[in-house]
Amino acid sequence: MKAIIVEKTNFEPTYHNAKLVDIPTPELTEDGQALLDVHAVSFNHREVWIRKGVYPVIEFGSIMGADGVGRIAKVKGDSSKHKVGDRVVVMPSVGWDKDPRGPEGSWYILGGGPAPGLFSEQFLAQQDDLFKAPDHLTDAEAAALPLAGLTAWRAAFTKGLVSKGQNVLITGIDNWDSQLQTLTKGELFDVVIDGAGGDGFKAFTKLLRMGGIIASYGMTVHFQVDYHMDAVLRNIEVRGCTM
């Protein structure tokens, strides 16, 4: 089968190859496994970080890609959950079972590391990690759902505790800090959901109410943030959040 792997380079600055290769199709060896024919995959900013060499736990030669949708081509063992022909999406991580606070031990997002990803024609999965793709979504739409969708859900509801009637700031637009006070007529925010990091945290302290929450799911601008004593005095919580 064809697949895209991460290949080490010696470029300066670092930018590893995403290389198209031919590799053997995975074999079903254990009960509870399923082989998917992959129909569509989605590209996350995570793939850029892997190619730049800044993502933790990169394994060269590993198939890239955390998200995808496909149809089950084969199953091994009895299964009451899935059958051949089902259109499914894949849980994009391994090793995190059920603790809402965080992983119970070692865990990995699929692709580019210890757990091979979905940028391939076929994908071997545990049946328990497969979920029926919503009928109203196209393959392209369903392929983009798992990693981004779970990250957004967890940041908003598990970590941010967002509820009806709250003011929620989701960062990512230009000049937001200079416009928000006017847009909200001075009303403070309950939750900030942020994927940028950097200097934004200084503004969050002024924009959040006492006891407000910052749910941080990434730091695309800068890998450090400033958390000062005034944030402590305002009881502002920072909650790290992954998928």
Protein backbone atom coordinates (compact mmCIF):
# COMPACT_ATOMS: atom_id res chain seq x y z
CA MET A 1 0.00 0.00 0.00
CA LYS A 2 1.02 3.62 -0.39
CA ALA A 3 1.64 5.74 2.69
CA ILE A 4 3.23 9.04 3.70
CA ILE A 5 5.97 8.76 6.31
CA VAL A 6 8.12 11.32 8.12
CA GLU A 7 11.72 11.13 6.87
CA LYS A 8 14.63 12.75 8.69
CA THR A 9 16.58 15.47 6.90
CA ASN A 10 19.59 17.58 7.80
CA PHE A 11 18.11 20.85 6.61
CA GLU A 12 18.77 24.06 8.52
CA PRO A 13 16.35 25.22 9.79
CA THR A 14 14.85 21.78 10.41
CA TYR A 15 12.14 20.68 8.00
CA HIS A 16 11.74 16.92 7.66
CA ASN A 17 10.33 15.26 4.55
CA ALA A 18 6.82 13.91 4.16
CA LYS A 19 7.70 11.02 1.86
CA LEU A 20 5.39 8.85 -0.24
CA VAL A 21 6.44 5.19 0.03
CA ASP A 22 5.17 1.69 -0.72
CA ILE A 23 4.92 -0.55 2.35
CA PRO A 24 3.17 -3.87 3.13
CA THR A 25 -0.53 -3.80 3.95
CA PRO A 26 -1.06 -4.47 7.69
CA GLU A 27 -2.23 -7.95 8.68
CA LEU A 28 -4.95 -8.67 11.22
CA THR A 29 -3.28 -10.75 13.95
CA GLU A 30 -5.56 -10.36 16.98
CA ASP A 31 -9.26 -10.64 17.72
CA GLY A 32 -10.89 -7.25 17.94
CA GLN A 33 -8.90 -5.71 15.09
CA ALA A 34 -10.25 -4.17 11.89
CA LEU A 35 -8.64 -3.16 8.61
CA LEU A 36 -9.91 0.04 7.02
CA ASP A 37 -9.83 1.18 3.44
CA VAL A 38 -9.01 4.86 4.03
CA HIS A 39 -11.20 7.21 1.97
CA ALA A 40 -10.12 10.64 3.24
CA VAL A 41 -7.65 12.12 5.71
CA SER A 42 -7.20 15.60 7.15
CA PHE A 43 -4.15 17.75 7.67
CA ASN A 44 -3.55 19.30 11.09
CA HIS A 45 -1.02 21.93 12.16
CA ARG A 46 0.50 19.08 14.15
CA GLU A 47 2.00 17.74 10.91
CA VAL A 48 3.80 21.06 10.42
CA TRP A 49 5.29 20.85 13.93
CA ILE A 50 6.46 17.30 13.21
CA ARG A 51 8.16 18.39 10.00
CA LYS A 52 9.79 21.32 11.83
CA GLY A 53 11.16 18.89 14.41
CA VAL A 54 9.53 20.61 17.41
CA TYR A 55 6.80 18.05 18.15
CA PRO A 56 7.62 15.67 21.03
CA VAL A 57 8.30 11.98 20.37
CA ILE A 58 8.87 11.95 16.60
CA GLU A 59 9.73 8.54 15.12
CA PHE A 60 11.24 8.67 11.65
CA GLY A 61 9.68 6.19 9.27
CA SER A 62 6.32 6.39 11.06
CA ILE A 63 3.19 6.96 8.96
CA MET A 64 1.88 10.49 9.44
CA GLY A 65 -1.67 11.74 10.03
CA ALA A 66 -3.97 11.69 13.05
CA ASP A 67 -7.35 11.97 11.33
CA GLY A 68 -9.21 9.96 8.74
CA VAL A 69 -12.37 8.21 7.66
CA GLY A 70 -12.83 4.93 5.83
CA ARG A 71 -14.83 1.75 5.44
CA ILE A 72 -14.11 -1.49 7.23
CA ALA A 73 -12.63 -4.02 4.80
CA LYS A 74 -11.91 -6.86 7.25
CA VAL A 75 -12.54 -7.72 10.88
CA LYS A 76 -11.01 -10.41 13.07
CA GLY A 77 -13.04 -12.13 15.77
CA ASP A 78 -16.65 -11.64 16.75
CA SER A 79 -17.86 -8.05 16.72
CA SER A 80 -21.26 -6.71 17.70
CA LYS A 81 -20.08 -3.11 17.25
CA HIS A 82 -18.92 -3.01 13.62
CA LYS A 83 -19.25 -4.97 10.41
CA VAL A 84 -17.53 -5.00 7.04
CA GLY A 85 -18.65 -2.00 5.00
CA ASP A 86 -19.29 0.34 7.93
CA ARG A 87 -18.06 3.91 7.40
CA VAL A 88 -16.09 4.91 10.49
CA VAL A 89 -13.75 7.51 11.95
CA VAL A 90 -10.79 6.57 14.14
CA MET A 91 -10.11 7.65 17.71
CA PRO A 92 -6.93 9.66 17.07
CA SER A 93 -4.95 8.54 20.14
CA VAL A 94 -3.89 5.40 22.00
CA GLY A 95 -3.25 4.87 25.71
CA TRP A 96 -5.86 7.24 27.18
CA ASP A 97 -8.90 5.33 28.34
CA LYS A 98 -11.39 7.23 30.49
CA ASP A 99 -9.93 9.67 33.05
CA PRO A 100 -11.34 13.11 32.10
CA ARG A 101 -8.49 14.92 33.89
CA GLY A 102 -5.76 13.48 31.67
CA PRO A 103 -4.11 10.30 30.36
CA GLU A 104 -3.61 7.45 32.81
CA GLY A 105 -0.07 6.78 31.58
CA SER A 106 1.91 6.86 28.36
CA TRP A 107 -0.26 7.90 25.43
CA TYR A 108 0.23 9.04 21.87
CA ILE A 109 -1.68 10.82 19.16
CA LEU A 110 -1.67 8.84 15.94
CA GLY A 111 0.88 9.62 13.26
CA GLY A 112 4.56 10.49 13.10
CA GLY A 113 5.41 8.81 16.39
CA PRO A 114 5.09 5.45 18.17
CA ALA A 115 1.51 5.01 16.90
CA PRO A 116 1.34 4.92 13.07
CA GLY A 117 -1.11 7.28 11.44
CA LEU A 118 -3.74 7.38 8.72
CA PHE A 119 -1.93 8.90 5.74
CA SER A 120 -2.09 5.50 4.03
CA GLU A 121 -4.37 3.46 1.81
CA GLN A 122 -5.20 1.03 4.63
CA PHE A 123 -5.16 1.38 8.41
CA LEU A 124 -5.15 -1.28 11.11
CA ALA A 125 -7.25 -0.35 14.16
CA GLN A 126 -8.80 -1.79 17.26
CA GLN A 127 -12.54 -2.05 16.75
CA ASP A 128 -13.12 -0.29 20.08
CA ASP A 129 -11.32 2.77 18.64
CA LEU A 130 -13.70 3.06 15.68
CA PHE A 131 -16.88 5.11 15.65
CA LYS A 132 -19.62 5.40 13.06
CA ALA A 133 -19.11 8.46 10.87
CA PRO A 134 -22.12 10.84 10.98
CA ASP A 135 -24.32 10.25 7.95
CA HIS A 136 -24.73 13.95 7.18
CA LEU A 137 -20.98 14.51 6.79
CA THR A 138 -19.02 13.88 3.59
CA ASP A 139 -15.83 11.86 3.79
CA ALA A 140 -13.76 15.06 3.72
CA GLU A 141 -15.81 16.57 6.56
CA ALA A 142 -15.82 13.41 8.67
CA ALA A 143 -12.05 13.04 8.24
CA ALA A 144 -11.53 16.41 9.92
CA LEU A 145 -13.77 15.63 12.88
CA PRO A 146 -11.87 13.49 15.43
CA LEU A 147 -8.72 15.38 16.47
CA ALA A 148 -9.95 18.94 15.99
CA GLY A 149 -13.45 18.11 17.19
CA LEU A 150 -12.35 16.34 20.37
CA THR A 151 -9.79 19.06 21.11
CA ALA A 152 -12.46 21.74 20.81
CA TRP A 153 -15.00 19.79 22.88
CA ARG A 154 -12.52 19.04 25.65
CA ALA A 155 -11.22 22.63 25.80
CA ALA A 156 -14.73 24.07 25.94
CA PHE A 157 -16.59 21.67 28.20
CA THR A 158 -14.21 19.36 30.09
CA LYS A 159 -11.59 21.99 30.90
CA GLY A 160 -13.36 25.31 30.29
CA LEU A 161 -16.63 24.18 31.92
CA VAL A 162 -18.52 26.37 29.45
CA SER A 163 -22.22 26.68 30.21
CA LYS A 164 -25.25 28.60 28.98
CA GLY A 165 -25.12 32.35 29.51
CA GLN A 166 -21.34 32.66 29.84
CA ASN A 167 -19.06 34.94 27.83
CA VAL A 168 -16.40 32.85 26.07
CA LEU A 169 -13.37 34.21 24.22
CA ILE A 170 -11.90 31.97 21.52
CA THR A 171 -8.67 33.57 20.35
CA GLY A 172 -7.27 33.62 16.84
CA ILE A 173 -8.33 36.94 15.28
CA ASP A 174 -6.34 40.17 14.77
CA ASN A 175 -6.39 43.11 17.24
CA TRP A 176 -8.84 41.23 19.45
CA ASP A 177 -7.63 42.68 22.75
CA SER A 178 -8.25 46.28 21.66
CA GLN A 179 -11.78 45.57 20.42
CA LEU A 180 -13.27 43.22 22.98
CA GLN A 181 -14.08 45.73 25.71
CA THR A 182 -16.19 47.67 23.20
CA LEU A 183 -17.88 44.57 21.80
CA THR A 184 -18.86 43.28 25.26
CA LYS A 185 -19.65 46.77 26.64
CA GLY A 186 -17.16 46.16 29.42
CA GLU A 187 -18.58 42.80 30.53
CA LEU A 188 -15.82 40.37 31.48
CA PHE A 189 -15.32 36.88 30.11
CA ASP A 190 -15.84 33.63 32.01
CA VAL A 191 -13.58 31.44 29.86
CA VAL A 192 -10.77 31.91 27.35
CA ILE A 193 -10.06 29.06 24.92
CA ASP A 194 -6.60 29.68 23.50
CA GLY A 195 -4.27 27.90 21.11
CA ALA A 196 -1.74 30.69 20.58
CA GLY A 197 0.06 31.28 23.89
CA GLY A 198 2.63 34.07 23.89
CA ASP A 199 1.73 37.57 25.07
CA GLY A 200 -2.01 36.94 24.99
CA PHE A 201 -2.00 35.77 28.60
CA LYS A 202 -1.30 39.32 29.78
CA ALA A 203 -4.52 40.51 28.19
CA PHE A 204 -6.51 37.52 29.43
CA THR A 205 -5.92 38.53 33.05
CA LYS A 206 -7.63 41.88 32.40
CA LEU A 207 -10.45 40.40 30.32
CA LEU A 208 -11.44 37.53 32.65
CA ARG A 209 -13.70 37.77 35.65
CA MET A 210 -12.53 36.69 39.10
CA GLY A 211 -12.06 32.93 39.02
CA GLY A 212 -12.03 32.82 35.21
CA ILE A 213 -10.56 29.89 33.30
CA ILE A 214 -7.96 29.77 30.52
CA ALA A 215 -8.17 26.48 28.60
CA SER A 216 -4.90 26.24 26.64
CA TYR A 217 -4.78 23.62 23.89
CA GLY A 218 -1.62 24.83 22.15
CA MET A 219 1.02 27.56 21.80
CA THR A 220 1.43 28.31 18.11
CA VAL A 221 2.78 31.84 18.65
CA HIS A 222 5.26 31.15 21.41
CA PHE A 223 6.00 28.10 23.56
CA GLN A 224 5.93 30.11 26.81
CA VAL A 225 3.35 32.29 28.51
CA ASP A 226 3.39 34.90 31.27
CA TYR A 227 1.33 34.08 34.36
CA HIS A 228 1.77 36.86 36.92
CA MET A 229 0.76 37.47 40.52
CA ASP A 230 -2.19 39.61 39.48
CA ALA A 231 -3.66 36.50 37.84
CA VAL A 232 -3.14 34.57 41.08
CA LEU A 233 -4.91 37.29 43.07
CA ARG A 234 -7.82 37.16 40.63
CA ASN A 235 -7.97 33.33 41.06
CA ILE A 236 -7.57 32.77 37.33
CA GLU A 237 -6.93 29.14 36.44
CA VAL A 238 -4.82 27.87 33.53
CA ARG A 239 -5.85 24.39 32.39
CA GLY A 240 -3.68 22.58 29.90
CA CYS A 241 -5.79 20.69 27.40
CA THR A 242 -4.96 18.13 24.72
CA MET A 243 -7.25 16.04 22.60
